[in-house]
N, C-alpha and C. Protein backbone atom coordinates (compact mmCIF):
# COMPACT_ATOMS: atom_id res chain seq x y z
N MET A 1 0.82 -1.19 0.00
CA MET A 1 0.00 0.00 0.00
C MET A 1 0.88 1.26 0.00
N LYS A 2 1.94 1.23 0.83
CA LYS A 2 2.84 2.37 0.90
C LYS A 2 3.53 2.61 -0.44
N THR A 3 3.89 1.53 -1.14
CA THR A 3 4.56 1.64 -2.43
C THR A 3 3.63 2.26 -3.46
N LYS A 4 2.37 1.87 -3.48
CA LYS A 4 1.40 2.43 -4.42
C LYS A 4 1.21 3.92 -4.16
N LEU A 5 1.13 4.28 -2.90
CA LEU A 5 0.95 5.68 -2.54
C LEU A 5 2.16 6.51 -2.94
N SER A 6 3.35 5.98 -2.74
CA SER A 6 4.58 6.68 -3.14
C SER A 6 4.63 6.85 -4.65
N PHE A 7 4.27 5.82 -5.37
CA PHE A 7 4.27 5.88 -6.83
C PHE A 7 3.27 6.92 -7.32
N LEU A 8 2.08 6.93 -6.73
CA LEU A 8 1.05 7.90 -7.12
C LEU A 8 1.51 9.33 -6.82
N ALA A 9 2.14 9.55 -5.68
CA ALA A 9 2.63 10.87 -5.32
C ALA A 9 3.72 11.32 -6.28
N ALA A 10 4.62 10.43 -6.65
CA ALA A 10 5.69 10.76 -7.59
C ALA A 10 5.12 11.09 -8.97
N ALA A 11 4.13 10.34 -9.42
CA ALA A 11 3.51 10.59 -10.72
C ALA A 11 2.80 11.94 -10.72
N ALA A 12 2.11 12.26 -9.63
CA ALA A 12 1.40 13.54 -9.55
C ALA A 12 2.39 14.70 -9.55
N CYS A 13 3.49 14.56 -8.84
CA CYS A 13 4.52 15.63 -8.83
C CYS A 13 5.12 15.81 -10.22
N GLY A 14 5.40 14.72 -10.89
CA GLY A 14 5.94 14.80 -12.25
C GLY A 14 4.99 15.50 -13.20
N LEU A 15 3.70 15.20 -13.08
CA LEU A 15 2.69 15.83 -13.92
C LEU A 15 2.61 17.33 -13.64
N LEU A 16 2.65 17.70 -12.37
CA LEU A 16 2.59 19.11 -12.01
C LEU A 16 3.81 19.87 -12.51
N LEU A 17 4.97 19.23 -12.54
CA LEU A 17 6.17 19.87 -13.04
C LEU A 17 6.16 20.00 -14.56
N ALA A 18 5.52 19.07 -15.24
CA ALA A 18 5.50 19.08 -16.70
C ALA A 18 4.50 20.08 -17.27
N LEU A 19 3.45 20.40 -16.55
CA LEU A 19 2.42 21.30 -17.07
C LEU A 19 2.95 22.69 -17.44
N PRO A 20 3.74 23.36 -16.61
CA PRO A 20 4.25 24.68 -17.02
C PRO A 20 5.15 24.61 -18.24
N LEU A 21 5.92 23.53 -18.39
CA LEU A 21 6.78 23.39 -19.57
C LEU A 21 5.96 23.24 -20.82
N ALA A 22 4.88 22.47 -20.76
CA ALA A 22 4.03 22.28 -21.93
C ALA A 22 3.35 23.59 -22.31
N ALA A 23 2.97 24.39 -21.34
CA ALA A 23 2.29 25.65 -21.62
C ALA A 23 3.25 26.68 -22.19
N ALA A 24 4.54 26.59 -21.87
CA ALA A 24 5.52 27.59 -22.29
C ALA A 24 5.97 27.42 -23.73
N SER A 25 5.96 26.20 -24.26
CA SER A 25 6.45 26.00 -25.62
C SER A 25 5.34 26.23 -26.62
N PRO A 26 5.66 26.95 -27.74
CA PRO A 26 4.62 27.24 -28.73
C PRO A 26 4.19 25.97 -29.44
N ALA A 27 2.93 25.94 -29.78
CA ALA A 27 2.38 24.78 -30.48
C ALA A 27 2.77 24.84 -31.94
N PRO A 28 3.10 23.72 -32.55
CA PRO A 28 3.44 23.72 -33.97
C PRO A 28 2.22 24.00 -34.83
N VAL A 29 2.47 24.57 -35.98
CA VAL A 29 1.43 24.83 -36.94
C VAL A 29 1.44 23.67 -37.93
N THR A 30 0.29 23.08 -38.17
CA THR A 30 0.22 21.94 -39.08
C THR A 30 -0.57 22.34 -40.31
N ALA A 31 0.07 22.25 -41.47
CA ALA A 31 -0.61 22.50 -42.73
C ALA A 31 -1.24 21.19 -43.18
N THR A 32 -2.49 21.26 -43.58
CA THR A 32 -3.18 20.03 -43.99
C THR A 32 -3.72 20.17 -45.40
N THR A 33 -3.75 19.06 -46.07
CA THR A 33 -4.41 18.97 -47.37
C THR A 33 -5.31 17.75 -47.29
N GLY A 34 -6.60 17.97 -47.39
CA GLY A 34 -7.52 16.84 -47.25
C GLY A 34 -7.55 16.37 -45.82
N ASN A 35 -7.32 15.08 -45.63
CA ASN A 35 -7.38 14.50 -44.30
C ASN A 35 -6.02 14.28 -43.67
N SER A 36 -4.93 14.51 -44.41
CA SER A 36 -3.62 14.18 -43.86
C SER A 36 -2.78 15.43 -43.66
N ALA A 37 -1.97 15.44 -42.61
CA ALA A 37 -1.05 16.56 -42.36
C ALA A 37 0.16 16.39 -43.26
N THR A 38 0.59 17.50 -43.89
CA THR A 38 1.72 17.42 -44.81
C THR A 38 3.02 17.88 -44.18
N ARG A 39 2.96 18.79 -43.20
CA ARG A 39 4.20 19.30 -42.63
C ARG A 39 3.90 19.96 -41.28
N THR A 40 4.83 19.84 -40.37
CA THR A 40 4.69 20.50 -39.09
C THR A 40 5.82 21.51 -38.94
N ALA A 41 5.45 22.76 -38.62
CA ALA A 41 6.44 23.82 -38.43
C ALA A 41 5.93 24.76 -37.35
N TRP A 42 6.81 25.57 -36.83
CA TRP A 42 6.45 26.56 -35.84
C TRP A 42 6.35 27.92 -36.52
N PRO A 43 5.80 28.92 -35.85
CA PRO A 43 5.68 30.25 -36.47
C PRO A 43 7.05 30.82 -36.84
N PRO A 44 7.12 31.59 -37.93
CA PRO A 44 8.39 32.21 -38.33
C PRO A 44 8.91 33.15 -37.25
N GLU A 45 10.24 33.27 -37.18
CA GLU A 45 10.90 34.13 -36.21
C GLU A 45 11.95 34.98 -36.92
N THR A 46 12.42 36.03 -36.23
CA THR A 46 13.46 36.90 -36.76
C THR A 46 14.58 36.99 -35.74
N LEU A 47 15.82 37.00 -36.22
CA LEU A 47 16.95 37.22 -35.33
C LEU A 47 17.97 38.10 -36.03
N SER A 48 18.74 38.80 -35.22
CA SER A 48 19.82 39.65 -35.72
C SER A 48 21.11 39.19 -35.07
N GLY A 49 22.18 39.23 -35.83
CA GLY A 49 23.48 38.82 -35.30
C GLY A 49 24.55 38.97 -36.35
N LYS A 50 25.63 38.20 -36.19
CA LYS A 50 26.76 38.24 -37.12
C LYS A 50 26.95 36.87 -37.75
N ILE A 51 27.29 36.87 -39.03
CA ILE A 51 27.60 35.62 -39.72
C ILE A 51 28.95 35.12 -39.19
N THR A 52 28.99 33.90 -38.69
CA THR A 52 30.25 33.35 -38.20
C THR A 52 30.78 32.24 -39.09
N MET A 53 29.91 31.62 -39.90
CA MET A 53 30.37 30.56 -40.78
C MET A 53 29.40 30.40 -41.95
N VAL A 54 29.96 30.08 -43.11
CA VAL A 54 29.17 29.79 -44.30
C VAL A 54 29.71 28.50 -44.90
N ASP A 55 28.84 27.52 -45.13
CA ASP A 55 29.25 26.25 -45.75
C ASP A 55 28.34 25.97 -46.93
N PRO A 56 28.74 26.43 -48.16
CA PRO A 56 27.89 26.24 -49.33
C PRO A 56 27.61 24.76 -49.65
N SER A 57 28.57 23.87 -49.37
CA SER A 57 28.35 22.46 -49.69
C SER A 57 27.26 21.85 -48.81
N GLN A 58 27.12 22.31 -47.58
CA GLN A 58 26.08 21.83 -46.67
C GLN A 58 24.83 22.71 -46.70
N LYS A 59 24.90 23.82 -47.48
CA LYS A 59 23.82 24.81 -47.54
C LYS A 59 23.47 25.27 -46.13
N LEU A 60 24.51 25.72 -45.41
CA LEU A 60 24.40 26.08 -44.00
C LEU A 60 25.06 27.43 -43.74
N VAL A 61 24.37 28.27 -42.97
CA VAL A 61 24.93 29.54 -42.51
C VAL A 61 24.76 29.55 -40.99
N VAL A 62 25.82 29.94 -40.29
CA VAL A 62 25.76 30.05 -38.83
C VAL A 62 25.77 31.53 -38.47
N VAL A 63 24.76 31.96 -37.72
CA VAL A 63 24.65 33.34 -37.27
C VAL A 63 24.68 33.32 -35.74
N GLN A 64 25.56 34.15 -35.17
CA GLN A 64 25.66 34.23 -33.73
C GLN A 64 24.87 35.45 -33.26
N SER A 65 23.92 35.19 -32.37
CA SER A 65 23.06 36.24 -31.83
C SER A 65 23.05 36.13 -30.31
N GLY A 66 23.51 37.17 -29.63
CA GLY A 66 23.54 37.16 -28.17
C GLY A 66 24.42 36.06 -27.62
N GLY A 67 25.48 35.72 -28.32
CA GLY A 67 26.40 34.68 -27.87
C GLY A 67 25.94 33.27 -28.21
N VAL A 68 24.78 33.12 -28.85
CA VAL A 68 24.25 31.80 -29.19
C VAL A 68 24.34 31.59 -30.70
N PRO A 69 24.99 30.50 -31.15
CA PRO A 69 25.06 30.24 -32.59
C PRO A 69 23.77 29.58 -33.08
N PHE A 70 23.26 30.06 -34.20
CA PHE A 70 22.08 29.49 -34.84
C PHE A 70 22.50 28.90 -36.18
N ASP A 71 22.30 27.60 -36.38
CA ASP A 71 22.56 26.95 -37.65
C ASP A 71 21.32 27.12 -38.51
N LEU A 72 21.48 27.77 -39.66
CA LEU A 72 20.35 28.05 -40.54
C LEU A 72 20.54 27.33 -41.86
N MET A 73 19.55 26.55 -42.23
CA MET A 73 19.59 25.85 -43.52
C MET A 73 19.14 26.80 -44.62
N ILE A 74 19.83 26.72 -45.75
CA ILE A 74 19.51 27.54 -46.92
C ILE A 74 18.83 26.63 -47.95
N THR A 75 17.71 27.09 -48.49
CA THR A 75 16.98 26.33 -49.51
C THR A 75 16.95 27.16 -50.80
N PRO A 76 16.49 26.59 -51.90
CA PRO A 76 16.36 27.39 -53.12
C PRO A 76 15.41 28.59 -52.96
N ARG A 77 14.52 28.55 -51.99
CA ARG A 77 13.58 29.65 -51.74
C ARG A 77 14.19 30.78 -50.89
N THR A 78 15.32 30.54 -50.25
CA THR A 78 15.93 31.54 -49.37
C THR A 78 16.41 32.73 -50.20
N ARG A 79 15.99 33.94 -49.79
CA ARG A 79 16.45 35.17 -50.44
C ARG A 79 17.59 35.75 -49.61
N ILE A 80 18.73 35.94 -50.25
CA ILE A 80 19.89 36.53 -49.59
C ILE A 80 20.14 37.87 -50.27
N GLU A 81 20.10 38.96 -49.48
CA GLU A 81 20.21 40.29 -50.05
C GLU A 81 21.18 41.16 -49.26
N SER A 82 21.86 42.04 -49.99
CA SER A 82 22.68 43.09 -49.39
C SER A 82 22.18 44.39 -49.99
N GLY A 83 21.42 45.15 -49.22
CA GLY A 83 20.75 46.32 -49.78
C GLY A 83 19.66 45.84 -50.72
N ASN A 84 19.74 46.25 -51.97
CA ASN A 84 18.78 45.79 -52.98
C ASN A 84 19.39 44.74 -53.90
N GLN A 85 20.63 44.33 -53.63
CA GLN A 85 21.33 43.38 -54.48
C GLN A 85 21.16 41.95 -53.96
N ALA A 86 20.89 41.03 -54.87
CA ALA A 86 20.84 39.61 -54.51
C ALA A 86 22.27 39.10 -54.33
N VAL A 87 22.47 38.25 -53.34
CA VAL A 87 23.78 37.67 -53.05
C VAL A 87 23.66 36.16 -53.13
N SER A 88 24.67 35.52 -53.72
CA SER A 88 24.67 34.06 -53.79
C SER A 88 25.21 33.47 -52.50
N MET A 89 25.02 32.19 -52.34
CA MET A 89 25.53 31.49 -51.16
C MET A 89 27.05 31.64 -51.09
N GLN A 90 27.74 31.52 -52.22
CA GLN A 90 29.19 31.68 -52.25
C GLN A 90 29.58 33.10 -51.90
N GLY A 91 28.75 34.08 -52.27
CA GLY A 91 29.02 35.48 -51.97
C GLY A 91 28.98 35.77 -50.48
N LEU A 92 28.28 34.94 -49.72
CA LEU A 92 28.21 35.13 -48.28
C LEU A 92 29.56 34.91 -47.60
N ASN A 93 30.45 34.14 -48.22
CA ASN A 93 31.78 33.91 -47.63
C ASN A 93 32.51 35.22 -47.38
N SER A 94 32.30 36.22 -48.22
CA SER A 94 32.97 37.50 -48.03
C SER A 94 32.27 38.36 -46.97
N ASP A 95 31.13 37.89 -46.47
CA ASP A 95 30.37 38.66 -45.49
C ASP A 95 30.47 38.10 -44.07
N ILE A 96 31.46 37.25 -43.82
CA ILE A 96 31.64 36.72 -42.46
C ILE A 96 31.97 37.88 -41.53
N ASN A 97 31.40 37.86 -40.35
CA ASN A 97 31.49 38.90 -39.31
C ASN A 97 30.65 40.14 -39.63
N GLN A 98 29.83 40.06 -40.67
CA GLN A 98 28.91 41.16 -40.99
C GLN A 98 27.61 40.98 -40.20
N ASN A 99 26.97 42.10 -39.85
CA ASN A 99 25.66 42.04 -39.20
C ASN A 99 24.60 41.62 -40.21
N VAL A 100 23.69 40.77 -39.76
CA VAL A 100 22.60 40.31 -40.61
C VAL A 100 21.30 40.26 -39.81
N SER A 101 20.22 40.32 -40.55
CA SER A 101 18.90 40.09 -39.99
C SER A 101 18.34 38.89 -40.75
N VAL A 102 17.86 37.89 -40.01
CA VAL A 102 17.41 36.65 -40.64
C VAL A 102 15.97 36.36 -40.24
N ARG A 103 15.16 36.05 -41.23
CA ARG A 103 13.79 35.56 -40.99
C ARG A 103 13.86 34.06 -41.25
N PHE A 104 13.44 33.26 -40.26
CA PHE A 104 13.53 31.81 -40.40
C PHE A 104 12.33 31.12 -39.78
N THR A 105 12.14 29.87 -40.16
CA THR A 105 11.08 29.05 -39.61
C THR A 105 11.70 27.85 -38.92
N PRO A 106 11.45 27.69 -37.62
CA PRO A 106 11.93 26.48 -36.94
C PRO A 106 11.12 25.27 -37.42
N GLU A 107 11.80 24.24 -37.82
CA GLU A 107 11.15 23.00 -38.25
C GLU A 107 11.82 21.84 -37.53
N ARG A 108 11.22 20.68 -37.63
CA ARG A 108 11.79 19.49 -36.99
C ARG A 108 13.19 19.19 -37.52
N ARG A 109 13.42 19.46 -38.80
CA ARG A 109 14.72 19.17 -39.41
C ARG A 109 15.76 20.24 -39.11
N GLY A 110 15.33 21.39 -38.56
CA GLY A 110 16.23 22.49 -38.23
C GLY A 110 15.62 23.82 -38.61
N ASP A 111 16.36 24.90 -38.37
CA ASP A 111 15.89 26.24 -38.69
C ASP A 111 16.13 26.52 -40.18
N VAL A 112 15.06 26.89 -40.91
CA VAL A 112 15.16 27.12 -42.34
C VAL A 112 15.02 28.62 -42.60
N ALA A 113 16.07 29.22 -43.18
CA ALA A 113 16.08 30.65 -43.46
C ALA A 113 15.20 30.96 -44.66
N SER A 114 14.35 31.98 -44.53
CA SER A 114 13.58 32.43 -45.67
C SER A 114 14.20 33.68 -46.28
N THR A 115 14.72 34.59 -45.42
CA THR A 115 15.43 35.77 -45.93
C THR A 115 16.63 36.05 -45.04
N ILE A 116 17.71 36.48 -45.66
CA ILE A 116 18.91 36.94 -44.96
C ILE A 116 19.24 38.31 -45.53
N ASN A 117 19.19 39.34 -44.68
CA ASN A 117 19.53 40.70 -45.09
C ASN A 117 20.84 41.09 -44.46
N ILE A 118 21.86 41.28 -45.29
CA ILE A 118 23.19 41.65 -44.82
C ILE A 118 23.20 43.14 -44.49
N GLY A 119 23.77 43.47 -43.34
CA GLY A 119 23.80 44.85 -42.88
C GLY A 119 22.52 45.22 -42.14
N GLY A 120 21.66 44.23 -41.91
CA GLY A 120 20.38 44.50 -41.24
C GLY A 120 20.40 44.35 -39.77
């Protein structure tokens, strides 16, 4: 009887501790077509920081913001701009340590950049 009561008390404490964490994390947005979900993503976000690394072969840009590095995946849809000029992924190599503003969408596979504005 004592063991059951201890187990129940531990389970209740664990549930009470988990509730604030569940409430704090944003719910994913699910796009649906018909009856099936096609993709799960979170709302788009914006960050500002400095480019610390560019890897064109991996289609990856690392931006450091507030001391935290963000690995951002680049897709064919990603717009990279400096002022009004379009910049290629290879062109970003010359912009290491430059300030950037990035609009990205957190996804299960990682953060996917939609726009990168150099000097922003």
